[in-house]
Amino acid sequence: MTMTTDEDARPCNVQHKKPCHDCPWRRKAVPGWLGANNATEWLNFAHGEAKVDCHTVKGDPQPQCVGIATYRANILKLPRDPSILRGKVDRKSVFATPGEFIDHHTKSAKDG
């Protein structure tokens, strides 16, 4: 699997519906693949009001991260800003609790 960084983002002007193949919010994400932020910082974004752009595509308008939108739906977090993407509940594919996210993304450090 190829991991995509912001620098590798491909052009796309359409909001996608499912998390990207290497989205850190997917249960199948590579442990520790979090870009410039750590797991706690990502959870702060998700539980706050941050608008989070997708790291695999760039466009105008800029597509937002479906993974974080789905995670927010899973934890029943509804952003107040109507311009922030709202996802649909999917606890099978996307983490459903902060603990699951932290455990997954720190497991390589624990196992190492």
Protein backbone atom coordinates (compact mmCIF):
# COMPACT_ATOMS: atom_id res chain seq x y z
CA MET A 1 0.00 0.00 0.00
CA THR A 2 1.25 3.46 -0.87
CA MET A 3 1.03 6.03 1.89
CA THR A 4 -0.02 9.49 0.77
CA THR A 5 1.29 12.72 2.26
CA ASP A 6 0.05 16.28 1.74
CA GLU A 7 2.83 16.77 -0.82
CA ASP A 8 1.55 13.75 -2.81
CA ALA A 9 -2.10 14.87 -2.76
CA ARG A 10 -3.84 14.55 -6.11
CA PRO A 11 -6.25 17.11 -7.58
CA CYS A 12 -9.92 16.52 -6.73
CA ASN A 13 -12.76 19.04 -6.51
CA VAL A 14 -15.40 16.61 -5.24
CA GLN A 15 -16.04 15.63 -1.64
CA HIS A 16 -15.50 11.88 -1.32
CA LYS A 17 -17.87 9.70 0.72
CA LYS A 18 -15.56 7.13 2.36
CA PRO A 19 -12.25 7.50 4.22
CA CYS A 20 -9.15 7.22 2.05
CA HIS A 21 -7.13 3.98 2.05
CA ASP A 22 -4.54 5.40 4.46
CA CYS A 23 -6.80 7.58 6.63
CA PRO A 24 -5.62 7.42 10.25
CA TRP A 25 -9.24 7.13 11.43
CA ARG A 26 -9.77 3.78 9.67
CA ARG A 27 -9.45 0.64 11.77
CA LYS A 28 -7.09 -0.73 9.10
CA ALA A 29 -4.78 2.31 9.30
CA VAL A 30 -1.07 1.69 9.68
CA PRO A 31 -0.35 2.11 13.41
CA GLY A 32 1.39 5.42 14.02
CA TRP A 33 0.62 6.84 10.53
CA LEU A 34 -0.50 10.25 11.81
CA GLY A 35 1.50 12.77 9.81
CA ALA A 36 2.75 15.80 11.72
CA ASN A 37 0.37 15.33 14.67
CA ASN A 38 0.31 12.74 17.43
CA ALA A 39 -2.76 10.71 18.45
CA THR A 40 -3.71 13.08 21.29
CA GLU A 41 -3.56 16.12 18.99
CA TRP A 42 -5.78 14.33 16.45
CA LEU A 43 -8.31 13.51 19.15
CA ASN A 44 -8.31 17.15 20.23
CA PHE A 45 -9.14 18.16 16.64
CA ALA A 46 -11.88 15.53 16.42
CA HIS A 47 -13.50 16.43 19.74
CA GLY A 48 -13.20 20.14 18.99
CA GLU A 49 -14.51 22.26 16.16
CA ALA A 50 -11.59 21.98 13.72
CA LYS A 51 -12.22 21.74 10.00
CA VAL A 52 -9.86 19.01 8.79
CA ASP A 53 -8.87 18.79 5.15
CA CYS A 54 -8.22 15.43 3.47
CA HIS A 55 -4.50 14.71 3.19
CA THR A 56 -4.76 12.69 -0.04
CA VAL A 57 -6.51 15.19 -2.30
CA LYS A 58 -6.42 18.94 -2.94
CA GLY A 59 -8.96 21.08 -4.68
CA ASP A 60 -11.24 24.05 -4.70
CA PRO A 61 -13.29 23.59 -2.67
CA GLN A 62 -10.89 21.54 -0.57
CA PRO A 63 -12.37 18.11 0.27
CA GLN A 64 -12.53 17.45 4.00
CA CYS A 65 -11.44 14.31 5.86
CA VAL A 66 -14.26 11.77 5.77
CA GLY A 67 -12.52 9.67 8.40
CA ILE A 68 -12.67 12.35 11.09
CA ALA A 69 -16.25 13.20 10.07
CA THR A 70 -17.21 9.52 10.48
CA TYR A 71 -15.40 9.28 13.82
CA ARG A 72 -17.32 12.34 15.01
CA ALA A 73 -20.58 10.66 13.98
CA ASN A 74 -19.50 7.51 15.83
CA ILE A 75 -19.01 9.47 19.07
CA LEU A 76 -22.13 11.58 18.46
CA LYS A 77 -20.12 14.80 18.00
CA LEU A 78 -21.96 17.28 15.81
CA PRO A 79 -19.85 20.27 14.74
CA ARG A 80 -21.57 23.61 15.29
CA ASP A 81 -20.16 25.08 12.07
CA PRO A 82 -22.39 23.92 9.19
CA SER A 83 -19.44 24.15 6.76
CA ILE A 84 -17.69 21.27 8.56
CA LEU A 85 -18.34 17.89 6.97
CA ARG A 86 -20.74 15.65 8.85
CA GLY A 87 -20.27 11.93 8.47
CA LYS A 88 -22.44 8.87 8.91
CA VAL A 89 -22.01 6.37 11.72
CA ASP A 90 -19.70 3.50 10.70
CA ARG A 91 -18.21 1.78 13.73
CA LYS A 92 -17.13 -1.22 11.66
CA SER A 93 -14.61 0.67 9.48
CA VAL A 94 -13.74 3.71 11.61
CA PHE A 95 -12.75 3.96 15.28
CA ALA A 96 -15.65 4.40 17.67
CA THR A 97 -13.88 5.58 20.84
CA PRO A 98 -10.84 7.68 21.75
CA GLY A 99 -9.31 4.64 23.45
CA GLU A 100 -9.47 2.56 20.28
CA PHE A 101 -7.73 5.30 18.33
CA ILE A 102 -4.98 5.77 20.94
CA ASP A 103 -4.44 2.03 21.40
CA HIS A 104 -4.17 1.44 17.66
CA HIS A 105 -1.77 4.27 16.98
CA THR A 106 0.49 3.55 19.93
CA LYS A 107 0.58 -0.24 19.59
CA SER A 108 3.77 -0.25 17.50
CA ALA A 109 5.55 1.65 20.27
CA LYS A 110 4.19 -0.74 22.92
CA ASP A 111 5.06 -3.85 20.89
CA GLY A 112 8.53 -2.59 19.93
